[in-house]
Structure formats: structure tokens, C-alpha cells
Amino acid sequence: MSTIRHNIGDKVIALTNPLNDMCQNRVKGKTYIVVDCVYCTKCGTQSINIGELSIYPESECVCGNISLSGGKYWTDSMYFSNANNIEEALSESIKKEDYELASLLRDTKIN
């Protein structure tokens, strides 16, 4: 189960780009506002919506559980860092040797 939790209205930074066009559109390193949150009924993982509407009636959790999408795209909250915790995300990206993300986070922190 993912332990990262975001609240509606939080500023978050995307840590990844979407895997494909069935995923919520986001740009790695860009800041978004959390519009809505849901929790998987099977594993408890939190997913967030950053304002993207979906034409797909269902959504799949990282655990494989299928639930109704409610007309929104959902992304596991672990793919976003809270904008107030940039230092933590920066440190984690350096540990993972993701220097591209580290650079984006550093530049976000400066602005």
C-alpha cells in the first residue's frame, strides 16, 4: 500500500510523465493542484486527480483492482511530491540517480 497522502488543494509536483494516453496527463517536474482524491477499496492506495477528465468509465489501481472512474483520470499519489516537501523529493531523486528529476526539482525550489 502506498503511504503517500495528498489533500484536495495541495500543490504537488509530478515525478513522472504518463506511461501512455490512458493515463492522466502530467509533465514531470510541473506543479499541479490536487482536485480530488480516491482510495482503492482493495489495497487502500490513494490516487489523485489534477483536473483531467476521462472518457473511460473505469480506472485501474496499481494493485490491479478496477473501479469506476467517475469521469476523471486517477494517478497513484506516489507519482507526485508535495510542493512543500521538495527537499525530500530532491534527496530521493538523487538516491535513485534520477538527475533529470533532481534538476527539475532544484529549479522548482529556486523559483
N, C-alpha and C. Protein backbone atom coordinates (compact mmCIF):
# COMPACT_ATOMS: atom_id res chain seq x y z
N MET A 1 0.84 -1.19 0.00
CA MET A 1 0.00 0.00 0.00
C MET A 1 0.88 1.25 0.00
N SER A 2 0.55 2.19 -0.84
CA SER A 2 1.27 3.45 -0.90
C SER A 2 0.98 4.26 0.36
N THR A 3 2.00 4.86 0.96
CA THR A 3 1.80 5.63 2.17
C THR A 3 1.71 7.13 1.91
N ILE A 4 2.01 7.57 0.71
CA ILE A 4 1.97 8.99 0.38
C ILE A 4 0.51 9.44 0.36
N ARG A 5 0.24 10.54 1.02
CA ARG A 5 -1.11 11.08 1.06
C ARG A 5 -1.07 12.55 0.69
N HIS A 6 -1.98 12.94 -0.18
CA HIS A 6 -2.14 14.34 -0.55
C HIS A 6 -3.58 14.72 -0.23
N ASN A 7 -3.80 16.00 -0.02
CA ASN A 7 -5.14 16.50 0.27
C ASN A 7 -5.62 17.38 -0.87
N ILE A 8 -6.93 17.47 -1.02
CA ILE A 8 -7.52 18.36 -2.03
C ILE A 8 -7.00 19.77 -1.76
N GLY A 9 -6.53 20.42 -2.81
CA GLY A 9 -5.99 21.77 -2.71
C GLY A 9 -4.48 21.82 -2.55
N ASP A 10 -3.84 20.68 -2.26
CA ASP A 10 -2.38 20.64 -2.13
C ASP A 10 -1.72 20.95 -3.47
N LYS A 11 -0.58 21.63 -3.42
CA LYS A 11 0.28 21.80 -4.59
C LYS A 11 1.19 20.59 -4.63
N VAL A 12 1.23 19.91 -5.78
CA VAL A 12 2.07 18.73 -5.94
C VAL A 12 2.91 18.87 -7.20
N ILE A 13 4.04 18.19 -7.20
CA ILE A 13 4.94 18.19 -8.35
C ILE A 13 4.94 16.79 -8.95
N ALA A 14 4.69 16.71 -10.26
CA ALA A 14 4.69 15.41 -10.94
C ALA A 14 6.11 14.85 -10.96
N LEU A 15 6.25 13.59 -10.54
CA LEU A 15 7.55 12.93 -10.52
C LEU A 15 7.78 12.10 -11.77
N THR A 16 6.72 11.91 -12.57
CA THR A 16 6.81 11.12 -13.80
C THR A 16 5.93 11.74 -14.88
N ASN A 17 6.20 11.36 -16.10
CA ASN A 17 5.29 11.62 -17.21
C ASN A 17 4.36 10.41 -17.28
N PRO A 18 3.19 10.55 -17.93
CA PRO A 18 2.30 9.38 -18.04
C PRO A 18 2.92 8.28 -18.89
N LEU A 19 2.55 7.04 -18.58
CA LEU A 19 3.05 5.90 -19.34
C LEU A 19 2.47 5.82 -20.75
N ASN A 20 1.20 6.22 -20.87
CA ASN A 20 0.52 6.17 -22.16
C ASN A 20 -0.66 7.13 -22.14
N ASP A 21 -1.43 7.18 -23.23
CA ASP A 21 -2.54 8.14 -23.30
C ASP A 21 -3.77 7.69 -22.53
N MET A 22 -3.70 6.56 -21.85
CA MET A 22 -4.80 6.15 -20.97
C MET A 22 -4.55 6.64 -19.54
N CYS A 23 -3.43 7.35 -19.34
CA CYS A 23 -3.06 7.87 -18.03
C CYS A 23 -3.37 9.37 -17.96
N GLN A 24 -3.48 9.87 -16.76
CA GLN A 24 -3.70 11.30 -16.54
C GLN A 24 -2.51 12.08 -17.11
N ASN A 25 -2.80 13.10 -17.88
CA ASN A 25 -1.75 13.91 -18.50
C ASN A 25 -1.05 14.72 -17.42
N ARG A 26 0.28 14.64 -17.41
CA ARG A 26 1.10 15.40 -16.48
C ARG A 26 2.49 15.52 -17.08
N VAL A 27 3.23 16.50 -16.61
CA VAL A 27 4.59 16.72 -17.08
C VAL A 27 5.52 16.64 -15.88
N LYS A 28 6.49 15.75 -15.97
CA LYS A 28 7.47 15.55 -14.91
C LYS A 28 8.11 16.88 -14.53
N GLY A 29 8.04 17.22 -13.23
CA GLY A 29 8.62 18.46 -12.74
C GLY A 29 7.66 19.63 -12.66
N LYS A 30 6.48 19.51 -13.26
CA LYS A 30 5.50 20.59 -13.26
C LYS A 30 4.63 20.53 -12.00
N THR A 31 4.20 21.68 -11.52
CA THR A 31 3.37 21.77 -10.32
C THR A 31 1.89 21.77 -10.70
N TYR A 32 1.10 21.03 -9.92
CA TYR A 32 -0.34 20.91 -10.13
C TYR A 32 -1.05 21.08 -8.79
N ILE A 33 -2.35 21.28 -8.85
CA ILE A 33 -3.19 21.34 -7.65
C ILE A 33 -4.04 20.08 -7.61
N VAL A 34 -4.11 19.44 -6.44
CA VAL A 34 -4.94 18.25 -6.27
C VAL A 34 -6.40 18.68 -6.26
N VAL A 35 -7.17 18.14 -7.22
CA VAL A 35 -8.58 18.48 -7.36
C VAL A 35 -9.46 17.49 -6.58
N ASP A 36 -9.05 16.22 -6.56
CA ASP A 36 -9.85 15.19 -5.90
C ASP A 36 -8.95 14.02 -5.51
N CYS A 37 -9.40 13.22 -4.56
CA CYS A 37 -8.67 12.04 -4.09
C CYS A 37 -9.63 10.86 -3.97
N VAL A 38 -9.12 9.67 -4.24
CA VAL A 38 -9.87 8.43 -4.01
C VAL A 38 -8.90 7.40 -3.41
N TYR A 39 -9.48 6.37 -2.82
CA TYR A 39 -8.69 5.30 -2.23
C TYR A 39 -9.17 3.97 -2.78
N CYS A 40 -8.24 3.10 -3.13
CA CYS A 40 -8.58 1.78 -3.65
C CYS A 40 -9.28 0.97 -2.56
N THR A 41 -10.38 0.34 -2.91
CA THR A 41 -11.12 -0.47 -1.95
C THR A 41 -10.44 -1.79 -1.65
N LYS A 42 -9.48 -2.16 -2.49
CA LYS A 42 -8.76 -3.43 -2.29
C LYS A 42 -7.49 -3.24 -1.47
N CYS A 43 -6.65 -2.25 -1.85
CA CYS A 43 -5.33 -2.11 -1.18
C CYS A 43 -5.18 -0.81 -0.39
N GLY A 44 -6.09 0.14 -0.56
CA GLY A 44 -6.02 1.39 0.18
C GLY A 44 -5.15 2.47 -0.43
N THR A 45 -4.55 2.19 -1.59
CA THR A 45 -3.68 3.16 -2.25
C THR A 45 -4.47 4.42 -2.61
N GLN A 46 -3.89 5.57 -2.32
CA GLN A 46 -4.52 6.83 -2.69
C GLN A 46 -4.15 7.19 -4.13
N SER A 47 -5.15 7.63 -4.89
CA SER A 47 -4.94 8.18 -6.22
C SER A 47 -5.50 9.59 -6.21
N ILE A 48 -4.86 10.46 -7.02
CA ILE A 48 -5.32 11.85 -7.07
C ILE A 48 -5.68 12.24 -8.49
N ASN A 49 -6.52 13.26 -8.57
CA ASN A 49 -6.89 13.85 -9.84
C ASN A 49 -6.38 15.28 -9.84
N ILE A 50 -5.77 15.69 -10.95
CA ILE A 50 -5.23 17.05 -11.07
C ILE A 50 -6.02 17.86 -12.11
N GLY A 51 -7.27 17.48 -12.28
CA GLY A 51 -8.15 18.24 -13.17
C GLY A 51 -8.42 17.61 -14.52
N GLU A 52 -7.85 16.45 -14.78
CA GLU A 52 -8.03 15.78 -16.06
C GLU A 52 -9.32 14.94 -16.06
N LEU A 53 -10.16 15.16 -17.05
CA LEU A 53 -11.38 14.38 -17.20
C LEU A 53 -11.12 13.19 -18.10
N SER A 54 -11.82 12.09 -17.82
CA SER A 54 -11.60 10.85 -18.55
C SER A 54 -12.86 10.42 -19.30
N ILE A 55 -12.67 9.83 -20.47
CA ILE A 55 -13.79 9.26 -21.21
C ILE A 55 -13.99 7.79 -20.85
N TYR A 56 -13.05 7.25 -20.06
CA TYR A 56 -13.11 5.84 -19.69
C TYR A 56 -13.97 5.66 -18.44
N PRO A 57 -14.89 4.69 -18.45
CA PRO A 57 -15.78 4.50 -17.31
C PRO A 57 -15.11 3.88 -16.09
N GLU A 58 -13.96 3.23 -16.31
CA GLU A 58 -13.28 2.55 -15.21
C GLU A 58 -11.83 2.99 -15.12
N SER A 59 -11.28 2.75 -13.95
CA SER A 59 -9.89 3.08 -13.67
C SER A 59 -9.25 1.89 -12.97
N GLU A 60 -7.96 1.65 -13.25
CA GLU A 60 -7.27 0.52 -12.64
C GLU A 60 -6.20 1.01 -11.66
N CYS A 61 -6.24 0.44 -10.46
CA CYS A 61 -5.24 0.73 -9.43
C CYS A 61 -3.95 0.00 -9.77
N VAL A 62 -2.86 0.40 -9.15
CA VAL A 62 -1.58 -0.28 -9.34
C VAL A 62 -1.66 -1.74 -8.87
N CYS A 63 -2.61 -2.06 -7.98
CA CYS A 63 -2.78 -3.44 -7.50
C CYS A 63 -3.61 -4.29 -8.45
N GLY A 64 -4.17 -3.64 -9.49
CA GLY A 64 -4.98 -4.37 -10.46
C GLY A 64 -6.48 -4.25 -10.23
N ASN A 65 -6.90 -3.69 -9.11
CA ASN A 65 -8.32 -3.52 -8.81
C ASN A 65 -8.94 -2.51 -9.78
N ILE A 66 -10.11 -2.84 -10.29
CA ILE A 66 -10.84 -1.96 -11.22
C ILE A 66 -11.99 -1.30 -10.46
N SER A 67 -12.12 0.02 -10.64
CA SER A 67 -13.23 0.74 -10.02
C SER A 67 -13.76 1.78 -11.02
N LEU A 68 -14.91 2.34 -10.71
CA LEU A 68 -15.49 3.37 -11.57
C LEU A 68 -14.63 4.63 -11.52
N SER A 69 -14.45 5.27 -12.66
CA SER A 69 -13.58 6.45 -12.72
C SER A 69 -14.29 7.73 -12.31
N GLY A 70 -15.61 7.75 -12.38
CA GLY A 70 -16.33 8.97 -12.07
C GLY A 70 -16.07 10.07 -13.07
N GLY A 71 -15.60 9.68 -14.27
CA GLY A 71 -15.33 10.67 -15.31
C GLY A 71 -14.01 11.41 -15.14
N LYS A 72 -13.15 10.90 -14.25
CA LYS A 72 -11.87 11.55 -14.00
C LYS A 72 -10.73 10.55 -14.18
N TYR A 73 -9.56 11.09 -14.54
CA TYR A 73 -8.35 10.29 -14.54
C TYR A 73 -7.80 10.27 -13.11
N TRP A 74 -7.20 9.15 -12.75
CA TRP A 74 -6.61 8.99 -11.41
C TRP A 74 -5.18 8.51 -11.54
N THR A 75 -4.30 9.06 -10.72
CA THR A 75 -2.90 8.67 -10.70
C THR A 75 -2.51 8.40 -9.26
N ASP A 76 -1.81 7.28 -9.03
CA ASP A 76 -1.33 6.94 -7.69
C ASP A 76 -0.57 8.13 -7.13
N SER A 77 -0.85 8.48 -5.89
CA SER A 77 -0.24 9.66 -5.28
C SER A 77 1.28 9.56 -5.16
N MET A 78 1.84 8.34 -5.24
CA MET A 78 3.30 8.20 -5.14
C MET A 78 4.02 8.81 -6.34
N TYR A 79 3.29 9.11 -7.41
CA TYR A 79 3.89 9.72 -8.59
C TYR A 79 3.92 11.25 -8.50
N PHE A 80 3.60 11.78 -7.32
CA PHE A 80 3.63 13.22 -7.07
C PHE A 80 4.30 13.48 -5.73
N SER A 81 5.01 14.58 -5.64
CA SER A 81 5.59 15.03 -4.37
C SER A 81 4.86 16.30 -3.95
N ASN A 82 4.61 16.43 -2.67
CA ASN A 82 4.02 17.66 -2.17
C ASN A 82 5.01 18.79 -2.39
N ALA A 83 4.56 19.91 -2.92
CA ALA A 83 5.45 21.03 -3.22
C ALA A 83 6.14 21.56 -1.97
N ASN A 84 5.56 21.30 -0.80
CA ASN A 84 6.18 21.73 0.45
C ASN A 84 7.31 20.80 0.89
N ASN A 85 7.45 19.64 0.22
CA ASN A 85 8.48 18.67 0.57
C ASN A 85 9.48 18.47 -0.58
N ILE A 86 9.83 19.55 -1.24
CA ILE A 86 10.73 19.46 -2.39
C ILE A 86 12.09 18.90 -1.96
N GLU A 87 12.56 19.30 -0.80
CA GLU A 87 13.87 18.82 -0.32
C GLU A 87 13.89 17.30 -0.24
N GLU A 88 12.82 16.73 0.30
CA GLU A 88 12.72 15.27 0.43
C GLU A 88 12.70 14.60 -0.94
N ALA A 89 11.90 15.14 -1.85
CA ALA A 89 11.81 14.58 -3.20
C ALA A 89 13.15 14.73 -3.93
N LEU A 90 13.83 15.84 -3.73
CA LEU A 90 15.13 16.07 -4.34
C LEU A 90 16.15 15.05 -3.85
N SER A 91 16.17 14.84 -2.54
CA SER A 91 17.07 13.86 -1.95
C SER A 91 16.80 12.45 -2.48
N GLU A 92 15.51 12.10 -2.58
CA GLU A 92 15.12 10.77 -3.07
C GLU A 92 15.51 10.59 -4.53
N SER A 93 15.34 11.62 -5.35
CA SER A 93 15.68 11.50 -6.77
C SER A 93 17.20 11.36 -6.95
N ILE A 94 17.98 11.99 -6.09
CA ILE A 94 19.43 11.83 -6.17
C ILE A 94 19.83 10.42 -5.77
N LYS A 95 19.19 9.88 -4.72
CA LYS A 95 19.46 8.49 -4.31
C LYS A 95 19.18 7.51 -5.44
N LYS A 96 18.10 7.79 -6.19
CA LYS A 96 17.71 6.91 -7.31
C LYS A 96 18.50 7.22 -8.58
N GLU A 97 19.41 8.19 -8.49
CA GLU A 97 20.22 8.63 -9.62
C GLU A 97 19.37 9.14 -10.79
N ASP A 98 18.23 9.74 -10.45
CA ASP A 98 17.36 10.36 -11.46
C ASP A 98 17.73 11.85 -11.49
N TYR A 99 18.84 12.15 -12.14
CA TYR A 99 19.37 13.51 -12.12
C TYR A 99 18.53 14.49 -12.92
N GLU A 100 17.81 13.99 -13.90
CA GLU A 100 16.90 14.87 -14.65
C GLU A 100 15.82 15.41 -13.71
N LEU A 101 15.20 14.50 -12.93
CA LEU A 101 14.17 14.93 -11.98
C LEU A 101 14.79 15.81 -10.90
N ALA A 102 15.97 15.45 -10.41
CA ALA A 102 16.64 16.25 -9.39
C ALA A 102 16.85 17.68 -9.88
N SER A 103 17.24 17.82 -11.13
CA SER A 103 17.44 19.15 -11.71
C SER A 103 16.12 19.92 -11.79
N LEU A 104 15.06 19.23 -12.21
CA LEU A 104 13.73 19.88 -12.27
C LEU A 104 13.28 20.33 -10.89
N LEU A 105 13.46 19.46 -9.89
CA LEU A 105 13.06 19.80 -8.53
C LEU A 105 13.90 20.95 -7.98
N ARG A 106 15.19 20.93 -8.26
CA ARG A 106 16.07 22.02 -7.83
C ARG A 106 15.59 23.33 -8.43
N ASP A 107 15.28 23.33 -9.72
CA ASP A 107 14.83 24.55 -10.38
C ASP A 107 13.48 25.00 -9.85
N THR A 108 12.60 24.06 -9.50
CA THR A 108 11.30 24.39 -8.91
C THR A 108 11.51 25.04 -7.55
N LYS A 109 12.45 24.50 -6.78
CA LYS A 109 12.75 25.02 -5.45
C LYS A 109 13.26 26.45 -5.51
N ILE A 110 14.05 26.75 -6.52
CA ILE A 110 14.63 28.10 -6.66
C ILE A 110 13.56 29.13 -7.00
N ASN A 111 12.56 28.72 -7.81
CA ASN A 111 11.52 29.67 -8.26
C ASN A 111 10.52 29.98 -7.20
